[in-house]
Amino acid sequence: MTTQITSLEEYHREYAKSIENPSAFWKKEAETFHWFKPFNEVLKWNFEEPSVKWFLNGKTNITYNALDRHIKDRGDKTAILWEPNNPEDNVLKISYKELLAEVCKCANALKNLGIKKGDRVVFYMPMVPELAIGLLACARIGAVHSVVFAGFSAQALSDRVNDAQAKLIICSDFNQRGTKKISVKKVVDDALLLGCDSIENILVHKNTGDSVSWNFSKDKWWHEEVNEQKPYCNAEEMDSEDLLFILYTSGSTGKPKGVVHTVGGYMVYTSYSFRNVFQYQEDDVYWCTADIGWITGHSYIIYGPLANGAQTLMFEGVPTYPDASRFWQVCEKHKVNQFYTAPTAIRALMGQGNAFAQ
């Protein structure tokens, strides 16, 4: 595992090392990961072009480092702890062993749907475990995932699908948020009507089971495509500079820009920053309240925690359902050790008064 800083003095020492000799600093961190082929150069950069490359010619797979290497020591420990929208529904605990099996089954299903290394897959889903499983399955086989926040419009979804030239959309039938049920599948259908010529299939996760429209030539049920697949799939050897995912800007200042992250540098940095910012200890329960549709969710719900063998909590609901005490109820229920949320959420809850926090 990567270094964990334990004091302010140690932080200053580590920071100085990272500035004085970044190649040596990050080489030490990167060597704690599994590489199919070791990198032969840590860093190559030119800010004039600009061009920055990390761990050149190294071959790895982020899912091998987030899942496979934990199986021996942490296979039966919880990887994802899922808290549903309705507090009366069942909590789901997925161990590292179970998560690896589900990711492999989904990866095999993606292959059966014609998805291969380099292909783009767009996700338009609520905060359900299948979203995390699907992202990791893409990374397993070298497909490039692009998550679109499941509150965006059909036009916004269509724009991002077309820019990425995605071959597959993975969505749910409905999204549950508080007392609302939002037809995610209908938004996807509307996006296709706007023109998404690159899309070959739609993989639909049955979240609520409510009725949805169905195109038998393109639409496939997750449970029918994924559940019967074999629970093993070799991790694709990825170059450190291969694309891992595309995440689009909001589009508030013009056309959405597709920001790309590559495998090696992202893997090492998110693991290092998670471990040191949140000071995670073995068997802690860590909760980031972000949506996976944002970079925070990618880095600090999925990749950073799992790379460290952590227990990461995924929350489907909203902080005010059934009432404004929900965050604190979840913290108490699961004995959360690290709680990571946004100032906007805290300000909104402050407006509800102190009674809900008691």
Protein backbone atom coordinates (compact mmCIF):
# COMPACT_ATOMS: atom_id res chain seq x y z
CA MET A 1 0.00 0.00 0.00
CA THR A 2 1.04 3.59 -0.46
CA THR A 3 2.55 5.72 2.31
CA GLN A 4 0.29 7.14 4.99
CA ILE A 5 1.37 10.40 6.57
CA THR A 6 0.71 10.47 10.31
CA SER A 7 1.88 13.90 11.50
CA LEU A 8 2.26 17.49 10.33
CA GLU A 9 6.04 17.17 10.50
CA GLU A 10 5.93 14.08 8.32
CA TYR A 11 3.64 15.89 5.88
CA HIS A 12 6.18 18.69 5.49
CA ARG A 13 8.97 16.15 4.90
CA GLU A 14 6.95 14.22 2.31
CA TYR A 15 5.85 17.40 0.57
CA ALA A 16 9.46 18.60 0.32
CA LYS A 17 10.48 15.27 -1.23
CA SER A 18 7.68 15.49 -3.79
CA ILE A 19 8.80 18.98 -4.85
CA GLU A 20 12.55 18.34 -4.84
CA ASN A 21 12.41 15.10 -6.81
CA PRO A 22 8.91 14.25 -8.06
CA SER A 23 10.13 11.30 -10.13
CA ALA A 24 11.74 9.60 -7.15
CA PHE A 25 8.75 10.39 -4.92
CA TRP A 26 6.11 8.97 -7.25
CA LYS A 27 8.30 6.04 -8.32
CA LYS A 28 8.32 4.86 -4.72
CA GLU A 29 4.53 5.09 -4.53
CA ALA A 30 3.90 3.50 -7.91
CA GLU A 31 6.09 0.50 -7.12
CA THR A 32 3.65 -0.56 -4.39
CA PHE A 33 1.10 -1.43 -7.12
CA HIS A 34 0.89 -4.48 -9.35
CA TRP A 35 2.37 -3.99 -12.80
CA PHE A 36 2.20 -6.62 -15.55
CA LYS A 37 5.24 -4.86 -16.99
CA PRO A 38 7.23 -2.29 -14.97
CA PHE A 39 7.41 1.29 -16.20
CA ASN A 40 10.83 2.48 -17.44
CA GLU A 41 10.32 6.23 -16.90
CA VAL A 42 8.29 7.91 -14.17
CA LEU A 43 7.46 11.29 -15.68
CA LYS A 44 7.77 13.09 -18.98
CA TRP A 45 6.31 16.54 -19.27
CA ASN A 46 6.19 19.63 -21.43
CA PHE A 47 3.88 22.39 -20.29
CA GLU A 48 4.28 24.29 -23.56
CA GLU A 49 2.48 21.65 -25.65
CA PRO A 50 1.06 20.75 -23.03
CA SER A 51 1.93 17.09 -22.50
CA VAL A 52 2.29 15.18 -19.24
CA LYS A 53 2.85 11.41 -19.16
CA TRP A 54 3.25 9.17 -16.12
CA PHE A 55 4.89 5.76 -15.65
CA LEU A 56 5.81 5.40 -19.30
CA ASN A 57 5.55 1.97 -20.92
CA GLY A 58 4.24 0.41 -17.71
CA LYS A 59 1.43 -2.13 -18.11
CA THR A 60 -1.19 -2.51 -15.39
CA ASN A 61 -4.93 -2.67 -14.77
CA ILE A 62 -6.63 -0.53 -12.17
CA THR A 63 -9.18 -3.24 -11.32
CA TYR A 64 -6.42 -5.73 -10.59
CA ASN A 65 -5.05 -3.24 -8.07
CA ALA A 66 -8.50 -2.38 -6.69
CA LEU A 67 -9.79 -5.96 -6.44
CA ASP A 68 -7.55 -8.96 -7.23
CA ARG A 69 -4.64 -8.01 -5.01
CA HIS A 70 -6.94 -7.70 -1.98
CA ILE A 71 -8.54 -11.14 -2.29
CA LYS A 72 -5.92 -13.05 -0.28
CA ASP A 73 -6.05 -10.79 2.80
CA ARG A 74 -9.41 -9.03 2.46
CA GLY A 75 -11.53 -11.27 0.25
CA ASP A 76 -14.34 -11.63 2.80
CA LYS A 77 -14.22 -8.02 4.00
CA THR A 78 -16.80 -5.52 2.78
CA ALA A 79 -15.79 -3.52 -0.27
CA ILE A 80 -19.07 -1.71 -0.96
CA LEU A 81 -21.66 -0.98 1.73
CA TRP A 82 -24.84 0.17 0.01
CA GLU A 83 -27.45 2.23 1.85
CA PRO A 84 -30.73 2.36 -0.13
CA ASN A 85 -32.96 5.37 -0.70
CA ASN A 86 -35.60 4.02 1.70
CA PRO A 87 -34.10 3.45 5.17
CA GLU A 88 -36.51 0.54 5.69
CA ASP A 89 -35.11 -1.38 2.71
CA ASN A 90 -32.27 -3.86 3.05
CA VAL A 91 -28.67 -2.68 3.26
CA LEU A 92 -26.34 -4.52 0.88
CA LYS A 93 -22.80 -5.54 1.79
CA ILE A 94 -20.58 -6.70 -1.08
CA SER A 95 -17.26 -8.30 -0.15
CA TYR A 96 -14.11 -7.92 -2.23
CA LYS A 97 -14.48 -11.54 -3.38
CA GLU A 98 -18.11 -10.95 -4.39
CA LEU A 99 -17.34 -7.64 -6.07
CA LEU A 100 -14.58 -9.19 -8.17
CA ALA A 101 -16.96 -11.95 -9.29
CA GLU A 102 -19.71 -9.46 -10.21
CA VAL A 103 -17.26 -7.23 -12.08
CA CYS A 104 -16.00 -10.22 -14.05
CA LYS A 105 -19.55 -11.31 -14.91
CA CYS A 106 -20.37 -7.82 -16.14
CA ALA A 107 -17.09 -7.65 -18.06
CA ASN A 108 -17.98 -10.89 -19.86
CA ALA A 109 -21.44 -9.52 -20.63
CA LEU A 110 -19.88 -6.39 -22.12
CA LYS A 111 -17.69 -8.55 -24.33
CA ASN A 112 -20.78 -10.47 -25.48
CA LEU A 113 -22.34 -7.16 -26.46
CA GLY A 114 -19.33 -6.43 -28.66
CA ILE A 115 -17.51 -4.05 -26.32
CA LYS A 116 -13.74 -4.22 -26.59
CA LYS A 117 -10.67 -2.29 -25.45
CA GLY A 118 -10.94 1.39 -26.37
CA ASP A 119 -14.72 1.39 -26.92
CA ARG A 120 -16.75 4.04 -25.10
CA VAL A 121 -19.56 3.10 -22.70
CA VAL A 122 -21.87 5.78 -21.28
CA PHE A 123 -23.57 5.31 -17.90
CA TYR A 124 -26.79 7.07 -16.94
CA MET A 125 -27.69 5.50 -13.60
CA PRO A 126 -28.71 6.20 -10.01
CA MET A 127 -26.39 5.42 -7.10
CA VAL A 128 -26.84 1.66 -7.16
CA PRO A 129 -24.08 -0.97 -6.82
CA GLU A 130 -24.48 -1.91 -10.48
CA LEU A 131 -23.07 1.50 -11.42
CA ALA A 132 -19.82 0.77 -9.57
CA ILE A 133 -19.75 -2.78 -10.93
CA GLY A 134 -20.28 -1.53 -14.49
CA LEU A 135 -17.49 1.06 -14.29
CA LEU A 136 -15.06 -1.49 -12.93
CA ALA A 137 -16.13 -3.98 -15.62
CA CYS A 138 -15.28 -1.42 -18.30
CA ALA A 139 -11.88 -0.84 -16.75
CA ARG A 140 -11.38 -4.60 -16.48
CA ILE A 141 -11.56 -5.05 -20.27
CA GLY A 142 -10.06 -1.69 -21.25
CA ALA A 143 -13.30 -0.03 -22.34
CA VAL A 144 -13.52 3.71 -21.62
CA HIS A 145 -16.40 4.63 -19.30
CA SER A 146 -18.16 7.98 -19.30
CA VAL A 147 -20.70 8.63 -16.54
CA VAL A 148 -23.42 11.19 -17.17
CA PHE A 149 -25.16 12.39 -14.00
CA ALA A 150 -28.65 10.86 -13.99
CA GLY A 151 -30.30 14.24 -13.49
CA PHE A 152 -29.11 15.67 -16.81
CA SER A 153 -31.53 16.18 -19.69
CA ALA A 154 -31.93 14.00 -22.78
CA GLN A 155 -30.17 16.68 -24.81
CA ALA A 156 -27.21 16.74 -22.41
CA LEU A 157 -27.00 12.95 -22.54
CA SER A 158 -27.22 12.90 -26.33
CA ASP A 159 -24.47 15.52 -26.65
CA ARG A 160 -22.09 13.48 -24.49
CA VAL A 161 -22.90 10.18 -26.20
CA ASN A 162 -22.23 11.71 -29.61
CA ASP A 163 -19.02 13.43 -28.58
CA ALA A 164 -17.65 10.19 -27.09
CA GLN A 165 -19.03 8.09 -29.97
CA ALA A 166 -20.23 5.57 -27.40
CA LYS A 167 -21.36 2.11 -28.51
CA LEU A 168 -23.35 1.25 -25.37
CA ILE A 169 -25.48 3.05 -22.78
CA ILE A 170 -25.99 1.41 -19.40
CA CYS A 171 -28.94 2.79 -17.43
CA SER A 172 -31.62 1.81 -14.92
CA ASP A 173 -35.36 1.65 -15.42
CA PHE A 174 -36.05 4.25 -12.71
CA ASN A 175 -34.11 6.37 -10.24
CA GLN A 176 -35.40 6.60 -6.66
CA ARG A 177 -34.71 9.92 -4.95
CA GLY A 178 -36.64 10.55 -1.79
CA THR A 179 -40.33 10.15 -2.57
CA LYS A 180 -39.75 10.50 -6.33
CA LYS A 181 -39.36 7.86 -9.00
CA ILE A 182 -37.67 9.27 -12.08
CA SER A 183 -37.85 7.36 -15.36
CA VAL A 184 -34.18 7.16 -16.30
CA LYS A 185 -34.93 4.83 -19.21
CA LYS A 186 -37.31 7.38 -20.75
CA VAL A 187 -34.58 10.03 -20.74
CA VAL A 188 -32.32 7.57 -22.54
CA ASP A 189 -35.06 6.84 -25.09
CA ASP A 190 -35.55 10.58 -25.64
CA ALA A 191 -31.79 11.04 -26.09
CA LEU A 192 -31.77 8.39 -28.82
CA LEU A 193 -34.60 10.19 -30.61
CA LEU A 194 -32.34 13.25 -30.76
CA GLY A 195 -29.79 11.17 -32.64
CA CYS A 196 -27.18 8.85 -31.11
CA ASP A 197 -26.13 6.90 -34.18
CA SER A 198 -23.10 5.27 -32.55
CA ILE A 199 -25.21 3.42 -29.96
CA GLU A 200 -25.65 -0.29 -30.66
CA ASN A 201 -27.26 -1.48 -27.42
CA ILE A 202 -28.89 -0.24 -24.21
CA LEU A 203 -28.24 -2.34 -21.08
CA VAL A 204 -31.00 -1.71 -18.52
CA HIS A 205 -30.72 -2.48 -14.81
CA LYS A 206 -34.09 -3.25 -13.19
CA ASN A 207 -34.02 -0.93 -10.19
CA THR A 208 -37.72 -0.50 -9.34
CA GLY A 209 -39.39 -2.85 -11.81
CA ASP A 210 -41.82 -0.15 -12.99
CA SER A 211 -42.97 -0.34 -16.61
CA VAL A 212 -40.67 1.04 -19.31
CA SER A 213 -40.85 1.22 -23.09
CA TRP A 214 -38.79 -1.44 -24.85
CA ASN A 215 -36.94 -1.64 -28.14
CA PHE A 216 -36.32 -5.36 -28.73
CA SER A 217 -33.56 -4.69 -31.24
CA LYS A 218 -31.41 -2.63 -28.84
CA ASP A 219 -32.63 -2.91 -25.26
CA LYS A 220 -31.21 -5.67 -23.03
CA TRP A 221 -31.92 -6.41 -19.36
CA TRP A 222 -28.90 -6.36 -17.06
CA HIS A 223 -30.05 -9.45 -15.16
CA GLU A 224 -30.47 -11.45 -18.36
CA GLU A 225 -27.12 -10.41 -19.85
CA VAL A 226 -24.96 -10.34 -16.72
CA ASN A 227 -26.21 -12.74 -14.07
CA GLU A 228 -25.42 -16.02 -15.86
CA GLN A 229 -21.95 -15.04 -17.03
CA LYS A 230 -18.82 -16.74 -15.71
CA PRO A 231 -17.44 -15.02 -12.58
CA TYR A 232 -13.89 -14.73 -13.87
CA CYS A 233 -12.35 -12.53 -16.54
CA ASN A 234 -8.68 -11.74 -16.95
CA ALA A 235 -7.75 -8.11 -16.45
CA GLU A 236 -6.71 -6.48 -19.72
CA GLU A 237 -3.11 -5.29 -19.73
CA MET A 238 -3.39 -1.52 -20.06
CA ASP A 239 -0.63 0.92 -20.85
CA SER A 240 -0.22 3.49 -18.12
CA GLU A 241 -1.26 6.21 -20.59
CA ASP A 242 -4.30 4.36 -21.98
CA LEU A 243 -7.62 6.10 -21.37
CA LEU A 244 -9.51 5.01 -18.26
CA PHE A 245 -12.52 7.32 -18.47
CA ILE A 246 -13.99 10.48 -19.97
CA LEU A 247 -15.91 12.84 -17.71
CA TYR A 248 -17.63 15.84 -19.25
CA THR A 249 -17.77 19.33 -17.82
CA SER A 250 -21.22 20.69 -17.02
CA GLY A 251 -21.53 22.76 -20.18
CA SER A 252 -22.41 25.90 -18.22
CA THR A 253 -19.75 27.87 -20.15
CA GLY A 254 -20.38 26.46 -23.61
CA LYS A 255 -20.09 23.02 -25.13
CA PRO A 256 -19.26 20.32 -22.55
CA LYS A 257 -15.59 19.38 -22.65
CA GLY A 258 -14.59 15.73 -22.29
CA VAL A 259 -11.86 15.55 -19.65
CA VAL A 260 -9.85 12.32 -19.86
CA HIS A 261 -7.95 10.45 -17.19
CA THR A 262 -5.42 7.77 -18.00
CA VAL A 263 -4.81 4.59 -16.06
CA GLY A 264 -1.45 4.83 -14.30
CA GLY A 265 -1.21 8.37 -12.97
CA TYR A 266 -4.86 8.42 -11.90
CA MET A 267 -4.52 5.08 -10.09
CA VAL A 268 -1.45 6.10 -8.10
CA TYR A 269 -2.66 9.58 -7.20
CA THR A 270 -6.22 8.71 -6.17
CA SER A 271 -4.93 5.89 -3.98
CA TYR A 272 -2.32 8.13 -2.36
CA SER A 273 -4.64 11.08 -1.82
CA PHE A 274 -7.44 8.91 -0.41
CA ARG A 275 -5.17 7.24 2.09
CA ASN A 276 -3.56 10.45 3.31
CA VAL A 277 -6.43 12.92 3.20
CA PHE A 278 -8.90 10.62 4.95
CA GLN A 279 -6.39 8.75 7.15
CA TYR A 280 -8.26 5.52 6.54
CA GLN A 281 -7.44 2.65 8.92
CA GLU A 282 -8.17 -1.05 8.43
CA ASP A 283 -11.86 -1.87 9.06
CA ASP A 284 -12.97 1.78 9.13
CA VAL A 285 -16.25 2.67 7.44
CA TYR A 286 -15.73 5.51 4.98
CA TRP A 287 -18.55 7.50 3.38
CA CYS A 288 -18.34 9.99 0.54
CA THR A 289 -21.79 11.43 -0.20
CA ALA A 290 -20.98 12.55 -3.76
CA ASP A 291 -22.68 11.16 -6.84
CA ILE A 292 -20.51 8.96 -9.02
CA GLY A 293 -21.54 11.25 -11.90
CA TRP A 294 -18.88 13.69 -10.65
CA ILE A 295 -15.11 13.29 -10.40
CA THR A 296 -15.31 13.16 -6.60
CA GLY A 297 -17.49 10.07 -6.88
CA HIS A 298 -15.13 8.38 -9.34
CA SER A 299 -12.07 9.04 -7.21
CA TYR A 300 -13.36 8.86 -3.66
CA ILE A 301 -16.25 6.40 -3.79
CA ILE A 302 -14.78 3.85 -6.19
CA TYR A 303 -11.14 3.95 -7.25
CA GLY A 304 -9.34 5.56 -4.29
CA PRO A 305 -11.03 3.53 -1.54
CA LEU A 306 -10.94 0.21 -3.39
CA ALA A 307 -7.27 0.64 -4.31
CA ASN A 308 -6.64 0.82 -0.55
CA GLY A 309 -8.83 -2.15 0.35
CA ALA A 310 -11.25 0.17 2.14
CA GLN A 311 -14.93 -0.23 2.97
CA THR A 312 -16.72 2.43 0.92
CA LEU A 313 -20.34 3.40 1.55
CA MET A 314 -22.62 4.17 -1.40
CA PHE A 315 -25.84 6.08 -0.68
CA GLU A 316 -28.76 5.99 -3.09
CA GLY A 317 -30.92 8.65 -1.45
CA VAL A 318 -30.93 12.34 -0.55
CA PRO A 319 -29.93 14.04 2.74
CA THR A 320 -33.48 15.20 3.51
CA TYR A 321 -35.42 11.93 3.12
CA PRO A 322 -37.31 10.87 5.15
CA ASP A 323 -36.16 14.02 6.96
CA ALA A 324 -33.06 16.18 7.41
CA SER A 325 -31.54 13.78 9.96
CA ARG A 326 -30.80 11.13 7.31
CA PHE A 327 -27.06 11.82 7.01
CA TRP A 328 -26.60 11.54 10.77
CA GLN A 329 -28.80 8.45 10.97
CA VAL A 330 -26.65 6.74 8.35
CA CYS A 331 -23.46 7.72 10.19
CA GLU A 332 -24.82 6.26 13.41
CA LYS A 333 -26.29 3.16 11.76
CA HIS A 334 -23.06 2.14 10.04
CA LYS A 335 -20.60 3.60 12.59
CA VAL A 336 -19.03 5.81 9.91
CA ASN A 337 -15.44 6.85 10.69
CA GLN A 338 -14.77 9.25 7.81
CA PHE A 339 -17.60 11.41 6.45
CA TYR A 340 -16.90 13.37 3.27
CA THR A 341 -19.58 15.71 1.97
CA ALA A 342 -20.02 19.07 0.24
CA PRO A 343 -20.35 22.53 1.83
CA THR A 344 -23.60 22.96 -0.12
CA ALA A 345 -25.11 19.96 1.64
CA ILE A 346 -23.97 21.15 5.06
CA ARG A 347 -25.37 24.65 4.47
CA ALA A 348 -28.71 23.18 3.39
CA LEU A 349 -28.86 21.03 6.52
CA MET A 350 -27.86 23.97 8.74
CA GLY A 351 -30.93 25.73 7.45
CA GLN A 352 -33.05 22.95 8.95
CA GLY A 353 -31.85 23.72 12.48
CA ASN A 354 -29.90 21.70 15.05
CA ALA A 355 -32.68 19.33 16.12
CA PHE A 356 -32.06 16.92 13.24
CA ALA A 357 -28.41 16.47 14.22
CA GLN A 358 -29.15 15.30 17.77
